[in-house]
Amino acid sequence: MSYGTLFLIPVPLGPGEPEDSLPSPVLDQTRTLVHFVAENAKSARAFLKAAQHPLPLQQIEISELNEHTRENELTALLSPLLEGKNVGLISEAGCPAVADPGANLVALAHRRGIRVVPMVGPSSILLGVMASGLSGQNFAFHGYLPAKEEERRKRLKELESESRKKRQTQIFIETPYRNRQMLETVMATCAVETRLCTATDLSQPGEQVITQSIADWRKQEKPDLDRRPTVFLLLA
């Protein structure tokens, strides 16, 4: 028996109709699938309902894969694929397997010789790079920085130094309710000539992208980033 295909299915970055940010081939493929792996089953069901999946939700099989999933539990998630059935991998927001625990399942699928198909959809990281005006030729994504203030400042200094040395855009994120603290730390830590971009609510009605030097950031009223998904990008 041949194996099924693992489809990597992006989802919108926030509230809204899936067709507003996802191409029709992605939605068409999603509606053909019965088996899914998702970071959160509840939000995955909400997405599938909004995407107008033809089956009743109770007939759709959704297995969870999140930060608590152990390595020895991954193999069971491949079972439908090994039986020849196609599976869709869904993240909480944006592209699966990018800053997402789904990457572990993708790696295992490759080791087992299972076909992996990435589908087109919104990535907050790439949208942030596109809109920032910073280097799109050389950039690095670092995920979450340390939560403790002293460690965060040290890490920011390291990223700024790396950026200056390589002319490389440094990208990172923060838990939305700590965005304001992150902005304040960046402004207090980085050199005045370093450019910082905050890309907030990307692809959503309240989208806001601001890029300016630290010197200018310090002079102006700060945007309200509280509890709004934001990507931070800096270039020294």
C-alpha atoms as a PDB file:
ATOM      1  CA  MET A   1       0.000   0.000   0.000  1.00  0.00           C
ATOM      2  CA  SER A   2       1.282   3.466  -0.842  1.00  0.00           C
ATOM      3  CA  TYR A   3       1.401   6.136   1.838  1.00  0.00           C
ATOM      4  CA  GLY A   4      -0.894   9.136   2.056  1.00  0.00           C
ATOM      5  CA  THR A   5       0.266  12.740   1.646  1.00  0.00           C
ATOM      6  CA  LEU A   6       0.847  15.191   4.478  1.00  0.00           C
ATOM      7  CA  PHE A   7      -0.581  18.567   3.431  1.00  0.00           C
ATOM      8  CA  LEU A   8       0.703  21.605   5.332  1.00  0.00           C
ATOM      9  CA  ILE A   9      -2.347  23.872   5.476  1.00  0.00           C
ATOM     10  CA  PRO A  10      -1.973  27.538   6.479  1.00  0.00           C
ATOM     11  CA  VAL A  11      -4.773  29.274   8.347  1.00  0.00           C
ATOM     12  CA  PRO A  12      -5.611  32.990   8.711  1.00  0.00           C
ATOM     13  CA  LEU A  13      -3.503  35.059  11.125  1.00  0.00           C
ATOM     14  CA  GLY A  14      -6.611  36.248  12.970  1.00  0.00           C
ATOM     15  CA  PRO A  15     -10.396  36.531  12.766  1.00  0.00           C
ATOM     16  CA  GLY A  16     -11.963  36.744   9.357  1.00  0.00           C
ATOM     17  CA  GLU A  17     -13.158  34.604   6.491  1.00  0.00           C
ATOM     18  CA  PRO A  18     -10.581  32.047   5.276  1.00  0.00           C
ATOM     19  CA  GLU A  19     -11.133  33.011   1.633  1.00  0.00           C
ATOM     20  CA  ASP A  20      -9.887  36.523   2.439  1.00  0.00           C
ATOM     21  CA  SER A  21      -6.332  35.260   3.018  1.00  0.00           C
ATOM     22  CA  LEU A  22      -6.168  31.714   1.615  1.00  0.00           C
ATOM     23  CA  PRO A  23      -6.106  30.761  -2.094  1.00  0.00           C
ATOM     24  CA  SER A  24      -9.016  28.656  -3.339  1.00  0.00           C
ATOM     25  CA  PRO A  25      -6.777  25.580  -4.051  1.00  0.00           C
ATOM     26  CA  VAL A  26      -5.879  25.481  -0.337  1.00  0.00           C
ATOM     27  CA  LEU A  27      -9.525  25.569   0.708  1.00  0.00           C
ATOM     28  CA  ASP A  28     -10.464  23.023  -1.946  1.00  0.00           C
ATOM     29  CA  GLN A  29      -7.801  20.608  -0.700  1.00  0.00           C
ATOM     30  CA  THR A  30      -8.791  21.175   2.928  1.00  0.00           C
ATOM     31  CA  ARG A  31     -12.394  20.213   2.167  1.00  0.00           C
ATOM     32  CA  THR A  32     -11.278  16.827   0.784  1.00  0.00           C
ATOM     33  CA  LEU A  33      -9.510  15.767   3.995  1.00  0.00           C
ATOM     34  CA  VAL A  34     -10.975  13.791   6.866  1.00  0.00           C
ATOM     35  CA  HIS A  35      -7.846  13.481   9.025  1.00  0.00           C
ATOM     36  CA  PHE A  36      -6.072  16.456  10.566  1.00  0.00           C
ATOM     37  CA  VAL A  37      -3.288  17.136  13.049  1.00  0.00           C
ATOM     38  CA  ALA A  38      -3.643  20.479  14.829  1.00  0.00           C
ATOM     39  CA  GLU A  39      -2.090  22.424  17.655  1.00  0.00           C
ATOM     40  CA  ASN A  40      -5.539  22.922  19.166  1.00  0.00           C
ATOM     41  CA  ALA A  41      -8.565  20.827  18.163  1.00  0.00           C
ATOM     42  CA  LYS A  42     -11.126  23.465  19.138  1.00  0.00           C
ATOM     43  CA  SER A  43      -9.622  26.218  17.005  1.00  0.00           C
ATOM     44  CA  ALA A  44      -9.050  23.728  14.174  1.00  0.00           C
ATOM     45  CA  ARG A  45     -12.768  22.893  14.181  1.00  0.00           C
ATOM     46  CA  ALA A  46     -13.601  26.591  14.055  1.00  0.00           C
ATOM     47  CA  PHE A  47     -11.327  26.977  11.029  1.00  0.00           C
ATOM     48  CA  LEU A  48     -12.803  23.945   9.257  1.00  0.00           C
ATOM     49  CA  LYS A  49     -16.318  25.234   9.876  1.00  0.00           C
ATOM     50  CA  ALA A  50     -15.390  28.668   8.498  1.00  0.00           C
ATOM     51  CA  ALA A  51     -13.740  26.962   5.528  1.00  0.00           C
ATOM     52  CA  GLN A  52     -17.077  25.240   4.826  1.00  0.00           C
ATOM     53  CA  HIS A  53     -15.805  21.680   5.161  1.00  0.00           C
ATOM     54  CA  PRO A  54     -18.612  19.482   3.754  1.00  0.00           C
ATOM     55  CA  LEU A  55     -18.568  16.912   6.571  1.00  0.00           C
ATOM     56  CA  PRO A  56     -20.148  17.348  10.001  1.00  0.00           C
ATOM     57  CA  LEU A  57     -17.395  18.293  12.421  1.00  0.00           C
ATOM     58  CA  GLN A  58     -17.956  15.169  14.527  1.00  0.00           C
ATOM     59  CA  GLN A  59     -17.001  13.048  11.507  1.00  0.00           C
ATOM     60  CA  ILE A  60     -13.636  14.770  11.106  1.00  0.00           C
ATOM     61  CA  GLU A  61     -10.709  13.238  12.970  1.00  0.00           C
ATOM     62  CA  ILE A  62      -8.447  15.812  14.637  1.00  0.00           C
ATOM     63  CA  SER A  63      -5.372  14.749  16.605  1.00  0.00           C
ATOM     64  CA  GLU A  64      -3.488  17.301  18.679  1.00  0.00           C
ATOM     65  CA  LEU A  65       0.208  18.073  18.358  1.00  0.00           C
ATOM     66  CA  ASN A  66       1.487  20.814  20.636  1.00  0.00           C
ATOM     67  CA  GLU A  67       4.430  21.734  22.839  1.00  0.00           C
ATOM     68  CA  HIS A  68       3.438  19.003  25.304  1.00  0.00           C
ATOM     69  CA  THR A  69       3.459  16.186  22.723  1.00  0.00           C
ATOM     70  CA  ARG A  70       6.266  13.743  23.467  1.00  0.00           C
ATOM     71  CA  GLU A  71       8.585  12.373  20.807  1.00  0.00           C
ATOM     72  CA  ASN A  72       7.249   8.833  21.258  1.00  0.00           C
ATOM     73  CA  GLU A  73       3.700  10.042  20.549  1.00  0.00           C
ATOM     74  CA  LEU A  74       4.510  11.384  17.095  1.00  0.00           C
ATOM     75  CA  THR A  75       4.490   7.990  15.376  1.00  0.00           C
ATOM     76  CA  ALA A  76       0.818   7.454  16.229  1.00  0.00           C
ATOM     77  CA  LEU A  77      -0.024  10.712  14.442  1.00  0.00           C
ATOM     78  CA  LEU A  78       1.356   9.206  11.243  1.00  0.00           C
ATOM     79  CA  SER A  79      -0.998   6.208  11.375  1.00  0.00           C
ATOM     80  CA  PRO A  80      -3.553   7.473   8.809  1.00  0.00           C
ATOM     81  CA  LEU A  81      -0.728   8.375   6.425  1.00  0.00           C
ATOM     82  CA  LEU A  82       0.822   4.915   6.753  1.00  0.00           C
ATOM     83  CA  GLU A  83      -2.625   3.495   5.925  1.00  0.00           C
ATOM     84  CA  GLY A  84      -2.715   5.467   2.670  1.00  0.00           C
ATOM     85  CA  LYS A  85      -4.922   8.331   3.875  1.00  0.00           C
ATOM     86  CA  ASN A  86      -4.108  12.000   3.355  1.00  0.00           C
ATOM     87  CA  VAL A  87      -3.672  14.215   6.422  1.00  0.00           C
ATOM     88  CA  GLY A  88      -3.749  17.986   6.877  1.00  0.00           C
ATOM     89  CA  LEU A  89      -1.393  19.661   9.366  1.00  0.00           C
ATOM     90  CA  ILE A  90      -2.803  22.908  10.807  1.00  0.00           C
ATOM     91  CA  SER A  91      -1.164  25.494  13.069  1.00  0.00           C
ATOM     92  CA  GLU A  92      -2.888  27.901  15.454  1.00  0.00           C
ATOM     93  CA  ALA A  93      -2.197  30.769  13.055  1.00  0.00           C
ATOM     94  CA  GLY A  94      -0.293  31.190   9.810  1.00  0.00           C
ATOM     95  CA  CYS A  95       1.934  28.492   8.337  1.00  0.00           C
ATOM     96  CA  PRO A  96       2.311  25.113  10.050  1.00  0.00           C
ATOM     97  CA  ALA A  97       5.796  23.912  11.012  1.00  0.00           C
ATOM     98  CA  VAL A  98       7.176  27.492  11.085  1.00  0.00           C
ATOM     99  CA  ALA A  99       7.781  28.469  14.724  1.00  0.00           C
ATOM    100  CA  ASP A 100       5.349  25.642  15.362  1.00  0.00           C
ATOM    101  CA  PRO A 101       5.573  22.129  16.900  1.00  0.00           C
ATOM    102  CA  GLY A 102       4.295  20.664  13.631  1.00  0.00           C
ATOM    103  CA  ALA A 103       7.878  20.741  12.377  1.00  0.00           C
ATOM    104  CA  ASN A 104       8.551  17.572  14.393  1.00  0.00           C
ATOM    105  CA  LEU A 105       5.829  15.685  12.541  1.00  0.00           C
ATOM    106  CA  VAL A 106       7.107  16.913   9.173  1.00  0.00           C
ATOM    107  CA  ALA A 107      10.612  15.705  10.031  1.00  0.00           C
ATOM    108  CA  LEU A 108       9.284  12.278  10.987  1.00  0.00           C
ATOM    109  CA  ALA A 109       7.211  12.086   7.797  1.00  0.00           C
ATOM    110  CA  HIS A 110      10.357  12.670   5.744  1.00  0.00           C
ATOM    111  CA  ARG A 111      12.180   9.934   7.661  1.00  0.00           C
ATOM    112  CA  ARG A 112       9.358   7.515   6.847  1.00  0.00           C
ATOM    113  CA  GLY A 113       9.312   8.446   3.149  1.00  0.00           C
ATOM    114  CA  ILE A 114       5.909  10.187   3.308  1.00  0.00           C
ATOM    115  CA  ARG A 115       5.235  12.918   0.749  1.00  0.00           C
ATOM    116  CA  VAL A 116       4.965  16.407   2.265  1.00  0.00           C
ATOM    117  CA  VAL A 117       3.161  19.192   0.381  1.00  0.00           C
ATOM    118  CA  PRO A 118       3.381  22.805   1.655  1.00  0.00           C
ATOM    119  CA  MET A 119       0.443  24.980   0.658  1.00  0.00           C
ATOM    120  CA  VAL A 120       0.352  28.732   0.106  1.00  0.00           C
ATOM    121  CA  GLY A 121      -0.861  31.013   2.880  1.00  0.00           C
ATOM    122  CA  PRO A 122       0.018  33.920   5.178  1.00  0.00           C
ATOM    123  CA  SER A 123       3.264  33.901   7.153  1.00  0.00           C
ATOM    124  CA  SER A 124       3.612  36.742   9.646  1.00  0.00           C
ATOM    125  CA  ILE A 125       7.403  36.434   9.413  1.00  0.00           C
ATOM    126  CA  LEU A 126       7.577  36.942   5.642  1.00  0.00           C
ATOM    127  CA  LEU A 127       4.817  39.561   5.630  1.00  0.00           C
ATOM    128  CA  GLY A 128       6.779  41.448   8.279  1.00  0.00           C
ATOM    129  CA  VAL A 129       9.984  41.298   6.228  1.00  0.00           C
ATOM    130  CA  MET A 130       8.142  42.430   3.105  1.00  0.00           C
ATOM    131  CA  ALA A 131       6.575  45.443   4.794  1.00  0.00           C
ATOM    132  CA  SER A 132       9.504  46.490   6.994  1.00  0.00           C
ATOM    133  CA  GLY A 133      11.826  48.062   4.447  1.00  0.00           C
ATOM    134  CA  LEU A 134      14.677  46.221   6.148  1.00  0.00           C
ATOM    135  CA  SER A 135      16.935  43.659   4.495  1.00  0.00           C
ATOM    136  CA  GLY A 136      14.983  40.937   2.737  1.00  0.00           C
ATOM    137  CA  GLN A 137      18.184  39.448   1.297  1.00  0.00           C
ATOM    138  CA  ASN A 138      19.584  38.358   4.649  1.00  0.00           C
ATOM    139  CA  PHE A 139      17.384  37.768   7.690  1.00  0.00           C
ATOM    140  CA  ALA A 140      17.056  35.395  10.646  1.00  0.00           C
ATOM    141  CA  PHE A 141      14.074  34.444  12.802  1.00  0.00           C
ATOM    142  CA  HIS A 142      14.745  33.801  16.500  1.00  0.00           C
ATOM    143  CA  GLY A 143      11.280  33.066  17.900  1.00  0.00           C
ATOM    144  CA  TYR A 144      10.776  34.224  21.498  1.00  0.00           C
ATOM    145  CA  LEU A 145      13.522  36.070  23.352  1.00  0.00           C
ATOM    146  CA  PRO A 146      14.172  35.438  27.072  1.00  0.00           C
ATOM    147  CA  ALA A 147      11.373  36.588  29.379  1.00  0.00           C
ATOM    148  CA  LYS A 148      13.677  37.913  32.123  1.00  0.00           C
ATOM    149  CA  GLU A 149      14.656  41.532  31.550  1.00  0.00           C
ATOM    150  CA  GLU A 150      18.408  41.167  32.060  1.00  0.00           C
ATOM    151  CA  GLU A 151      18.649  38.111  29.815  1.00  0.00           C
ATOM    152  CA  ARG A 152      16.449  39.771  27.190  1.00  0.00           C
ATOM    153  CA  ARG A 153      18.688  42.856  27.088  1.00  0.00           C
ATOM    154  CA  LYS A 154      21.753  40.665  26.696  1.00  0.00           C
ATOM    155  CA  ARG A 155      20.135  38.734  23.842  1.00  0.00           C
ATOM    156  CA  LEU A 156      19.058  41.953  22.095  1.00  0.00           C
ATOM    157  CA  LYS A 157      22.628  43.228  22.263  1.00  0.00           C
ATOM    158  CA  GLU A 158      23.806  39.981  20.683  1.00  0.00           C
ATOM    159  CA  LEU A 159      21.222  40.235  17.895  1.00  0.00           C
ATOM    160  CA  GLU A 160      22.094  43.865  17.244  1.00  0.00           C
ATOM    161  CA  SER A 161      25.795  43.006  17.027  1.00  0.00           C
ATOM    162  CA  GLU A 162      25.037  40.123  14.657  1.00  0.00           C
ATOM    163  CA  SER A 163      22.870  42.395  12.537  1.00  0.00           C
ATOM    164  CA  ARG A 164      25.596  45.033  12.301  1.00  0.00           C
ATOM    165  CA  LYS A 165      28.256  42.450  11.424  1.00  0.00           C
ATOM    166  CA  LYS A 166      26.219  40.645   8.738  1.00  0.00           C
ATOM    167  CA  ARG A 167      23.790  43.399   7.662  1.00  0.00           C
ATOM    168  CA  GLN A 168      21.131  40.910   8.662  1.00  0.00           C
ATOM    169  CA  THR A 169      17.554  41.668   9.697  1.00  0.00           C
ATOM    170  CA  GLN A 170      16.834  40.080  13.084  1.00  0.00           C
ATOM    171  CA  ILE A 171      13.248  38.918  13.626  1.00  0.00           C
ATOM    172  CA  PHE A 172      11.580  37.894  16.879  1.00  0.00           C
ATOM    173  CA  ILE A 173       8.183  37.705  18.523  1.00  0.00           C
ATOM    174  CA  GLU A 174       6.675  38.076  21.970  1.00  0.00           C
ATOM    175  CA  THR A 175       3.564  36.898  23.787  1.00  0.00           C
ATOM    176  CA  PRO A 176       1.042  39.621  22.815  1.00  0.00           C
ATOM    177  CA  TYR A 177       0.385  40.795  26.368  1.00  0.00           C
ATOM    178  CA  ARG A 178       4.131  41.492  26.787  1.00  0.00           C
ATOM    179  CA  ASN A 179       4.560  43.448  23.538  1.00  0.00           C
ATOM    180  CA  ARG A 180       4.710  46.800  25.296  1.00  0.00           C
ATOM    181  CA  GLN A 181       7.509  45.588  27.585  1.00  0.00           C
ATOM    182  CA  MET A 182       9.426  44.264  24.596  1.00  0.00           C
ATOM    183  CA  LEU A 183       9.158  47.570  22.757  1.00  0.00           C
ATOM    184  CA  GLU A 184      10.374  49.478  25.816  1.00  0.00           C
ATOM    185  CA  THR A 185      13.317  47.086  26.252  1.00  0.00           C
ATOM    186  CA  VAL A 186      14.358  47.396  22.604  1.00  0.00           C
ATOM    187  CA  MET A 187      14.239  51.191  22.779  1.00  0.00           C
ATOM    188  CA  ALA A 188      16.288  51.221  25.986  1.00  0.00           C
ATOM    189  CA  THR A 189      18.854  48.679  24.787  1.00  0.00           C
ATOM    190  CA  CYS A 190      19.594  49.289  21.107  1.00  0.00           C
ATOM    191  CA  ALA A 191      21.717  52.012  19.522  1.00  0.00           C
ATOM    192  CA  VAL A 192      19.965  55.158  18.293  1.00  0.00           C
ATOM    193  CA  GLU A 193      20.776  54.439  14.634  1.00  0.00           C
ATOM    194  CA  THR A 194      19.384  50.889  14.718  1.00  0.00           C
ATOM    195  CA  ARG A 195      16.109  50.599  12.824  1.00  0.00           C
ATOM    196  CA  LEU A 196      13.177  48.809  14.427  1.00  0.00           C
ATOM    197  CA  CYS A 197       9.968  47.651  12.756  1.00  0.00           C
ATOM    198  CA  THR A 198       6.815  46.565  14.563  1.00  0.00           C
ATOM    199  CA  ALA A 199       4.437  44.663  12.269  1.00  0.00           C
ATOM    200  CA  THR A 200       1.101  44.283  14.047  1.00  0.00           C
ATOM    201  CA  ASP A 201      -2.163  42.496  13.164  1.00  0.00           C
ATOM    202  CA  LEU A 202      -0.782  41.504   9.774  1.00  0.00           C
ATOM    203  CA  SER A 203      -3.453  40.749   7.143  1.00  0.00           C
ATOM    204  CA  GLN A 204      -6.133  41.936   9.594  1.00  0.00           C
ATOM    205  CA  PRO A 205      -8.304  45.084   9.419  1.00  0.00           C
ATOM    206  CA  GLY A 206      -6.223  46.817  12.120  1.00  0.00           C
ATOM    207  CA  GLU A 207      -2.882  46.077  10.426  1.00  0.00           C
ATOM    208  CA  GLN A 208      -0.121  48.529  11.360  1.00  0.00           C
ATOM    209  CA  VAL A 209       3.523  48.470  10.267  1.00  0.00           C
ATOM    210  CA  ILE A 210       5.971  51.086  11.594  1.00  0.00           C
ATOM    211  CA  THR A 211       9.700  51.242  10.783  1.00  0.00           C
ATOM    212  CA  GLN A 212      11.988  53.945  12.146  1.00  0.00           C
ATOM    213  CA  SER A 213      15.265  54.446  13.974  1.00  0.00           C
ATOM    214  CA  ILE A 214      15.462  53.935  17.723  1.00  0.00           C
ATOM    215  CA  ALA A 215      16.138  57.675  18.022  1.00  0.00           C
ATOM    216  CA  ASP A 216      12.811  58.416  16.310  1.00  0.00           C
ATOM    217  CA  TRP A 217      10.984  55.737  18.277  1.00  0.00           C
ATOM    218  CA  ARG A 218      12.077  57.456  21.495  1.00  0.00           C
ATOM    219  CA  LYS A 219      10.688  60.812  20.345  1.00  0.00           C
ATOM    220  CA  GLN A 220       7.212  59.713  19.286  1.00  0.00           C
ATOM    221  CA  GLU A 221       4.081  58.345  20.882  1.00  0.00           C
ATOM    222  CA  LYS A 222       4.239  54.571  20.977  1.00  0.00           C
ATOM    223  CA  PRO A 223       1.651  52.450  19.145  1.00  0.00           C
ATOM    224  CA  ASP A 224      -0.769  50.362  21.181  1.00  0.00           C
ATOM    225  CA  LEU A 225       0.613  46.830  20.827  1.00  0.00           C
ATOM    226  CA  ASP A 226      -1.132  45.375  23.861  1.00  0.00           C
ATOM    227  CA  ARG A 227      -2.549  41.909  23.118  1.00  0.00           C
ATOM    228  CA  ARG A 228      -2.103  42.429  19.381  1.00  0.00           C
ATOM    229  CA  PRO A 229       0.025  39.822  17.522  1.00  0.00           C
ATOM    230  CA  THR A 230       3.231  41.612  16.571  1.00  0.00           C
ATOM    231  CA  VAL A 231       6.454  40.714  14.777  1.00  0.00           C
ATOM    232  CA  PHE A 232       9.571  42.699  15.761  1.00  0.00           C
ATOM    233  CA  LEU A 233      12.339  43.265  13.209  1.00  0.00           C
ATOM    234  CA  LEU A 234      15.567  45.189  13.666  1.00  0.00           C
ATOM    235  CA  LEU A 235      18.521  46.103  11.482  1.00  0.00           C
ATOM    236  CA  ALA A 236      21.643  47.754  12.879  1.00  0.00           C
END
